[in-house]
C-alpha cells in the first residue's frame, strides 16, 4: 500500500488526524496529492532530527 493510500485510509477513520510525509523520493505526484488533501509537511529522506523537529512543530501549529 502506498503512503497516499495509507493517508487516505487514516483520514477516513480520523478526519482530523495530522500527518507528516517522509520519502526517499522527491515530491512525487502521490506526495503532492497527499499534501493537497491535508497532509502536513514533506520531509525527504535521509532527514535529520532537526528536519523532523521543524516538520512536527510546523504541523502541530497548523
PDB file of N, CA and C in Angstrom:
ATOM      1  N   UNK A   1       0.854  -1.163   0.000  1.00  0.00           N
ATOM      2  CA  UNK A   1       0.000   0.000   0.000  1.00  0.00           C
ATOM      3  C   UNK A   1       0.911   1.240   0.000  1.00  0.00           C
ATOM      4  N   UNK A   2       0.574   2.186  -0.819  1.00  0.00           N
ATOM      5  CA  UNK A   2       1.376   3.407  -0.908  1.00  0.00           C
ATOM      6  C   UNK A   2       1.117   4.322   0.284  1.00  0.00           C
ATOM      7  N   UNK A   3       1.975   5.300   0.455  1.00  0.00           N
ATOM      8  CA  UNK A   3       1.773   6.286   1.509  1.00  0.00           C
ATOM      9  C   UNK A   3       0.495   7.079   1.295  1.00  0.00           C
ATOM     10  N   UNK A   4       0.189   7.383   0.041  1.00  0.00           N
ATOM     11  CA  UNK A   4      -1.038   8.114  -0.271  1.00  0.00           C
ATOM     12  C   UNK A   4      -2.257   7.305   0.136  1.00  0.00           C
ATOM     13  N   UNK A   5      -2.279   6.027  -0.206  1.00  0.00           N
ATOM     14  CA  UNK A   5      -3.410   5.166   0.160  1.00  0.00           C
ATOM     15  C   UNK A   5      -3.522   5.046   1.682  1.00  0.00           C
ATOM     16  N   UNK A   6      -2.384   4.905   2.353  1.00  0.00           N
ATOM     17  CA  UNK A   6      -2.381   4.837   3.812  1.00  0.00           C
ATOM     18  C   UNK A   6      -2.991   6.099   4.402  1.00  0.00           C
ATOM     19  N   UNK A   7      -2.568   7.254   3.892  1.00  0.00           N
ATOM     20  CA  UNK A   7      -3.086   8.517   4.407  1.00  0.00           C
ATOM     21  C   UNK A   7      -4.585   8.648   4.154  1.00  0.00           C
ATOM     22  N   UNK A   8      -5.045   8.242   2.979  1.00  0.00           N
ATOM     23  CA  UNK A   8      -6.483   8.299   2.684  1.00  0.00           C
ATOM     24  C   UNK A   8      -7.275   7.434   3.662  1.00  0.00           C
ATOM     25  N   UNK A   9      -6.766   6.262   3.982  1.00  0.00           N
ATOM     26  CA  UNK A   9      -7.465   5.370   4.920  1.00  0.00           C
ATOM     27  C   UNK A   9      -7.493   5.950   6.330  1.00  0.00           C
ATOM     28  N   UNK A  10      -6.370   6.553   6.724  1.00  0.00           N
ATOM     29  CA  UNK A  10      -6.326   7.197   8.045  1.00  0.00           C
ATOM     30  C   UNK A  10      -7.352   8.319   8.109  1.00  0.00           C
ATOM     31  N   UNK A  11      -7.442   9.130   7.047  1.00  0.00           N
ATOM     32  CA  UNK A  11      -8.381  10.253   7.015  1.00  0.00           C
ATOM     33  C   UNK A  11      -9.833   9.778   7.103  1.00  0.00           C
ATOM     34  N   UNK A  12     -10.137   8.592   6.557  1.00  0.00           N
ATOM     35  CA  UNK A  12     -11.495   8.055   6.662  1.00  0.00           C
ATOM     36  C   UNK A  12     -11.834   7.711   8.107  1.00  0.00           C
ATOM     37  N   UNK A  13     -10.857   7.168   8.822  1.00  0.00           N
ATOM     38  CA  UNK A  13     -11.072   6.754  10.212  1.00  0.00           C
ATOM     39  C   UNK A  13     -11.047   7.953  11.152  1.00  0.00           C
ATOM     40  N   UNK A  14     -10.079   8.832  10.960  1.00  0.00           N
ATOM     41  CA  UNK A  14      -9.892  10.007  11.818  1.00  0.00           C
ATOM     42  C   UNK A  14      -9.618  11.230  10.947  1.00  0.00           C
ATOM     43  N   UNK A  15     -10.671  11.894  10.487  1.00  0.00           N
ATOM     44  CA  UNK A  15     -10.512  13.029   9.562  1.00  0.00           C
ATOM     45  C   UNK A  15      -9.624  14.160  10.074  1.00  0.00           C
ATOM     46  N   UNK A  16      -9.537  14.337  11.376  1.00  0.00           N
ATOM     47  CA  UNK A  16      -8.737  15.440  11.905  1.00  0.00           C
ATOM     48  C   UNK A  16      -7.279  15.056  12.185  1.00  0.00           C
ATOM     49  N   UNK A  17      -6.914  13.824  11.883  1.00  0.00           N
ATOM     50  CA  UNK A  17      -5.567  13.334  12.168  1.00  0.00           C
ATOM     51  C   UNK A  17      -4.532  14.119  11.370  1.00  0.00           C
ATOM     52  N   UNK A  18      -3.461  14.533  12.038  1.00  0.00           N
ATOM     53  CA  UNK A  18      -2.366  15.242  11.378  1.00  0.00           C
ATOM     54  C   UNK A  18      -1.349  14.229  10.877  1.00  0.00           C
ATOM     55  N   UNK A  19      -0.618  14.607   9.817  1.00  0.00           N
ATOM     56  CA  UNK A  19       0.374  13.686   9.263  1.00  0.00           C
ATOM     57  C   UNK A  19       1.531  14.452   8.643  1.00  0.00           C
ATOM     58  N   UNK A  20       2.706  13.859   8.733  1.00  0.00           N
ATOM     59  CA  UNK A  20       3.904  14.366   8.075  1.00  0.00           C
ATOM     60  C   UNK A  20       4.347  13.282   7.113  1.00  0.00           C
ATOM     61  N   UNK A  21       4.680  13.662   5.905  1.00  0.00           N
ATOM     62  CA  UNK A  21       5.111  12.710   4.894  1.00  0.00           C
ATOM     63  C   UNK A  21       6.630  12.620   4.877  1.00  0.00           C
ATOM     64  N   UNK A  22       7.154  11.412   4.773  1.00  0.00           N
ATOM     65  CA  UNK A  22       8.591  11.202   4.644  1.00  0.00           C
ATOM     66  C   UNK A  22       8.809  10.229   3.506  1.00  0.00           C
ATOM     67  N   UNK A  23       9.734  10.576   2.606  1.00  0.00           N
ATOM     68  CA  UNK A  23      10.007   9.713   1.461  1.00  0.00           C
ATOM     69  C   UNK A  23      11.440   9.897   1.012  1.00  0.00           C
ATOM     70  N   UNK A  24      11.976   8.862   0.408  1.00  0.00           N
ATOM     71  CA  UNK A  24      13.304   8.929  -0.164  1.00  0.00           C
ATOM     72  C   UNK A  24      13.286   9.507  -1.568  1.00  0.00           C
ATOM     73  N   UNK A  25      12.097   9.743  -2.086  1.00  0.00           N
ATOM     74  CA  UNK A  25      11.937  10.295  -3.434  1.00  0.00           C
ATOM     75  C   UNK A  25      11.595  11.772  -3.347  1.00  0.00           C
ATOM     76  N   UNK A  26      11.787  12.463  -4.424  1.00  0.00           N
ATOM     77  CA  UNK A  26      11.392  13.871  -4.481  1.00  0.00           C
ATOM     78  C   UNK A  26       9.873  13.957  -4.381  1.00  0.00           C
ATOM     79  N   UNK A  27       9.366  15.160  -4.367  1.00  0.00           N
ATOM     80  CA  UNK A  27       7.918  15.344  -4.278  1.00  0.00           C
ATOM     81  C   UNK A  27       7.240  14.723  -5.492  1.00  0.00           C
ATOM     82  N   UNK A  28       6.780  13.522  -5.320  1.00  0.00           N
ATOM     83  CA  UNK A  28       6.116  12.788  -6.401  1.00  0.00           C
ATOM     84  C   UNK A  28       4.669  13.239  -6.524  1.00  0.00           C
ATOM     85  N   UNK A  29       3.987  12.712  -7.503  1.00  0.00           N
ATOM     86  CA  UNK A  29       2.567  13.011  -7.685  1.00  0.00           C
ATOM     87  C   UNK A  29       1.771  12.586  -6.455  1.00  0.00           C
ATOM     88  N   UNK A  30       2.105  11.422  -5.879  1.00  0.00           N
ATOM     89  CA  UNK A  30       1.404  10.944  -4.679  1.00  0.00           C
ATOM     90  C   UNK A  30       1.620  11.889  -3.498  1.00  0.00           C
ATOM     91  N   UNK A  31       2.845  12.369  -3.336  1.00  0.00           N
ATOM     92  CA  UNK A  31       3.134  13.311  -2.251  1.00  0.00           C
ATOM     93  C   UNK A  31       2.315  14.579  -2.444  1.00  0.00           C
ATOM     94  N   UNK A  32       2.294  15.103  -3.653  1.00  0.00           N
ATOM     95  CA  UNK A  32       1.538  16.324  -3.932  1.00  0.00           C
ATOM     96  C   UNK A  32       0.043  16.119  -3.700  1.00  0.00           C
ATOM     97  N   UNK A  33      -0.483  14.937  -4.054  1.00  0.00           N
ATOM     98  CA  UNK A  33      -1.896  14.640  -3.802  1.00  0.00           C
ATOM     99  C   UNK A  33      -2.180  14.606  -2.305  1.00  0.00           C
ATOM    100  N   UNK A  34      -1.308  13.933  -1.543  1.00  0.00           N
ATOM    101  CA  UNK A  34      -1.499  13.842  -0.091  1.00  0.00           C
ATOM    102  C   UNK A  34      -1.458  15.232   0.538  1.00  0.00           C
ATOM    103  N   UNK A  35      -0.535  16.057   0.089  1.00  0.00           N
ATOM    104  CA  UNK A  35      -0.465  17.426   0.607  1.00  0.00           C
ATOM    105  C   UNK A  35      -1.737  18.190   0.275  1.00  0.00           C
ATOM    106  N   UNK A  36      -2.272  17.965  -0.915  1.00  0.00           N
ATOM    107  CA  UNK A  36      -3.469  18.699  -1.336  1.00  0.00           C
ATOM    108  C   UNK A  36      -4.729  18.280  -0.576  1.00  0.00           C
ATOM    109  N   UNK A  37      -4.728  17.063  -0.010  1.00  0.00           N
ATOM    110  CA  UNK A  37      -5.908  16.622   0.753  1.00  0.00           C
ATOM    111  C   UNK A  37      -5.711  16.764   2.261  1.00  0.00           C
ATOM    112  N   UNK A  38      -4.610  17.427   2.661  1.00  0.00           N
ATOM    113  CA  UNK A  38      -4.488  17.761   4.067  1.00  0.00           C
ATOM    114  C   UNK A  38      -3.265  17.297   4.822  1.00  0.00           C
ATOM    115  N   UNK A  39      -2.405  16.505   4.189  1.00  0.00           N
ATOM    116  CA  UNK A  39      -1.195  16.085   4.895  1.00  0.00           C
ATOM    117  C   UNK A  39      -0.332  17.313   5.167  1.00  0.00           C
ATOM    118  N   UNK A  40       0.480  17.234   6.198  1.00  0.00           N
ATOM    119  CA  UNK A  40       1.324  18.365   6.586  1.00  0.00           C
ATOM    120  C   UNK A  40       2.604  18.437   5.791  1.00  0.00           C
ATOM    121  N   UNK A  41       3.673  18.679   6.460  1.00  0.00           N
ATOM    122  CA  UNK A  41       4.969  18.873   5.827  1.00  0.00           C
ATOM    123  C   UNK A  41       5.463  17.612   5.120  1.00  0.00           C
ATOM    124  N   UNK A  42       6.363  17.825   4.186  1.00  0.00           N
ATOM    125  CA  UNK A  42       7.043  16.735   3.489  1.00  0.00           C
ATOM    126  C   UNK A  42       8.515  16.798   3.860  1.00  0.00           C
ATOM    127  N   UNK A  43       9.057  15.672   4.336  1.00  0.00           N
ATOM    128  CA  UNK A  43      10.461  15.585   4.718  1.00  0.00           C
ATOM    129  C   UNK A  43      11.116  14.524   3.843  1.00  0.00           C
ATOM    130  N   UNK A  44      12.171  14.915   3.125  1.00  0.00           N
ATOM    131  CA  UNK A  44      12.852  13.977   2.228  1.00  0.00           C
ATOM    132  C   UNK A  44      13.922  13.204   3.001  1.00  0.00           C
ATOM    133  N   UNK A  45      13.926  11.894   2.809  1.00  0.00           N
ATOM    134  CA  UNK A  45      14.945  11.047   3.427  1.00  0.00           C
ATOM    135  C   UNK A  45      16.252  11.198   2.658  1.00  0.00           C
ATOM    136  N   UNK A  46      17.386  11.092   3.258  1.00  0.00           N
ATOM    137  CA  UNK A  46      17.556  10.968   4.709  1.00  0.00           C
ATOM    138  C   UNK A  46      17.355  12.328   5.361  1.00  0.00           C
ATOM    139  N   UNK A  47      16.649  12.333   6.467  1.00  0.00           N
ATOM    140  CA  UNK A  47      16.397  13.573   7.170  1.00  0.00           C
ATOM    141  C   UNK A  47      17.085  13.537   8.521  1.00  0.00           C
ATOM    142  N   UNK A  48      17.288  14.713   9.072  1.00  0.00           N
ATOM    143  CA  UNK A  48      17.916  14.816  10.384  1.00  0.00           C
ATOM    144  C   UNK A  48      16.834  14.982  11.448  1.00  0.00           C
ATOM    145  N   UNK A  49      17.259  14.864  12.681  1.00  0.00           N
ATOM    146  CA  UNK A  49      16.348  15.104  13.803  1.00  0.00           C
ATOM    147  C   UNK A  49      15.822  16.535  13.720  1.00  0.00           C
ATOM    148  N   UNK A  50      16.673  17.477  13.343  1.00  0.00           N
ATOM    149  CA  UNK A  50      16.251  18.870  13.225  1.00  0.00           C
ATOM    150  C   UNK A  50      15.193  19.027  12.133  1.00  0.00           C
ATOM    151  N   UNK A  51      15.383  18.349  10.990  1.00  0.00           N
ATOM    152  CA  UNK A  51      14.379  18.396   9.921  1.00  0.00           C
ATOM    153  C   UNK A  51      13.023  17.916  10.434  1.00  0.00           C
ATOM    154  N   UNK A  52      13.036  16.806  11.156  1.00  0.00           N
ATOM    155  CA  UNK A  52      11.789  16.234  11.665  1.00  0.00           C
ATOM    156  C   UNK A  52      11.196  17.137  12.749  1.00  0.00           C
ATOM    157  N   UNK A  53      12.038  17.696  13.587  1.00  0.00           N
ATOM    158  CA  UNK A  53      11.555  18.612  14.632  1.00  0.00           C
ATOM    159  C   UNK A  53      10.834  19.801  14.008  1.00  0.00           C
ATOM    160  N   UNK A  54      11.412  20.379  12.975  1.00  0.00           N
ATOM    161  CA  UNK A  54      10.796  21.519  12.291  1.00  0.00           C
ATOM    162  C   UNK A  54       9.458  21.115  11.679  1.00  0.00           C
ATOM    163  N   UNK A  55       9.417  19.945  11.034  1.00  0.00           N
ATOM    164  CA  UNK A  55       8.176  19.467  10.405  1.00  0.00           C
ATOM    165  C   UNK A  55       7.098  19.215  11.450  1.00  0.00           C
ATOM    166  N   UNK A  56       7.469  18.615  12.569  1.00  0.00           N
ATOM    167  CA  UNK A  56       6.483  18.339  13.624  1.00  0.00           C
ATOM    168  C   UNK A  56       5.958  19.635  14.217  1.00  0.00           C
ATOM    169  N   UNK A  57       6.859  20.565  14.512  1.00  0.00           N
ATOM    170  CA  UNK A  57       6.426  21.849  15.071  1.00  0.00           C
ATOM    171  C   UNK A  57       5.485  22.575  14.103  1.00  0.00           C
ATOM    172  N   UNK A  58       5.840  22.562  12.828  1.00  0.00           N
ATOM    173  CA  UNK A  58       5.008  23.208  11.813  1.00  0.00           C
ATOM    174  C   UNK A  58       3.612  22.571  11.773  1.00  0.00           C
ATOM    175  N   UNK A  59       3.575  21.247  11.805  1.00  0.00           N
ATOM    176  CA  UNK A  59       2.290  20.537  11.714  1.00  0.00           C
ATOM    177  C   UNK A  59       1.445  20.746  12.963  1.00  0.00           C
ATOM    178  N   UNK A  60       2.059  20.733  14.131  1.00  0.00           N
ATOM    179  CA  UNK A  60       1.310  20.938  15.375  1.00  0.00           C
ATOM    180  C   UNK A  60       0.732  22.352  15.454  1.00  0.00           C
ATOM    181  N   UNK A  61       1.413  23.306  14.851  1.00  0.00           N
ATOM    182  CA  UNK A  61       0.938  24.697  14.871  1.00  0.00           C
ATOM    183  C   UNK A  61      -0.036  25.008  13.748  1.00  0.00           C
ATOM    184  N   UNK A  62      -0.244  24.072  12.837  1.00  0.00           N
ATOM    185  CA  UNK A  62      -1.129  24.286  11.690  1.00  0.00           C
ATOM    186  C   UNK A  62      -2.565  24.099  12.091  1.00  0.00           C
TER     187      UNK A  62
END
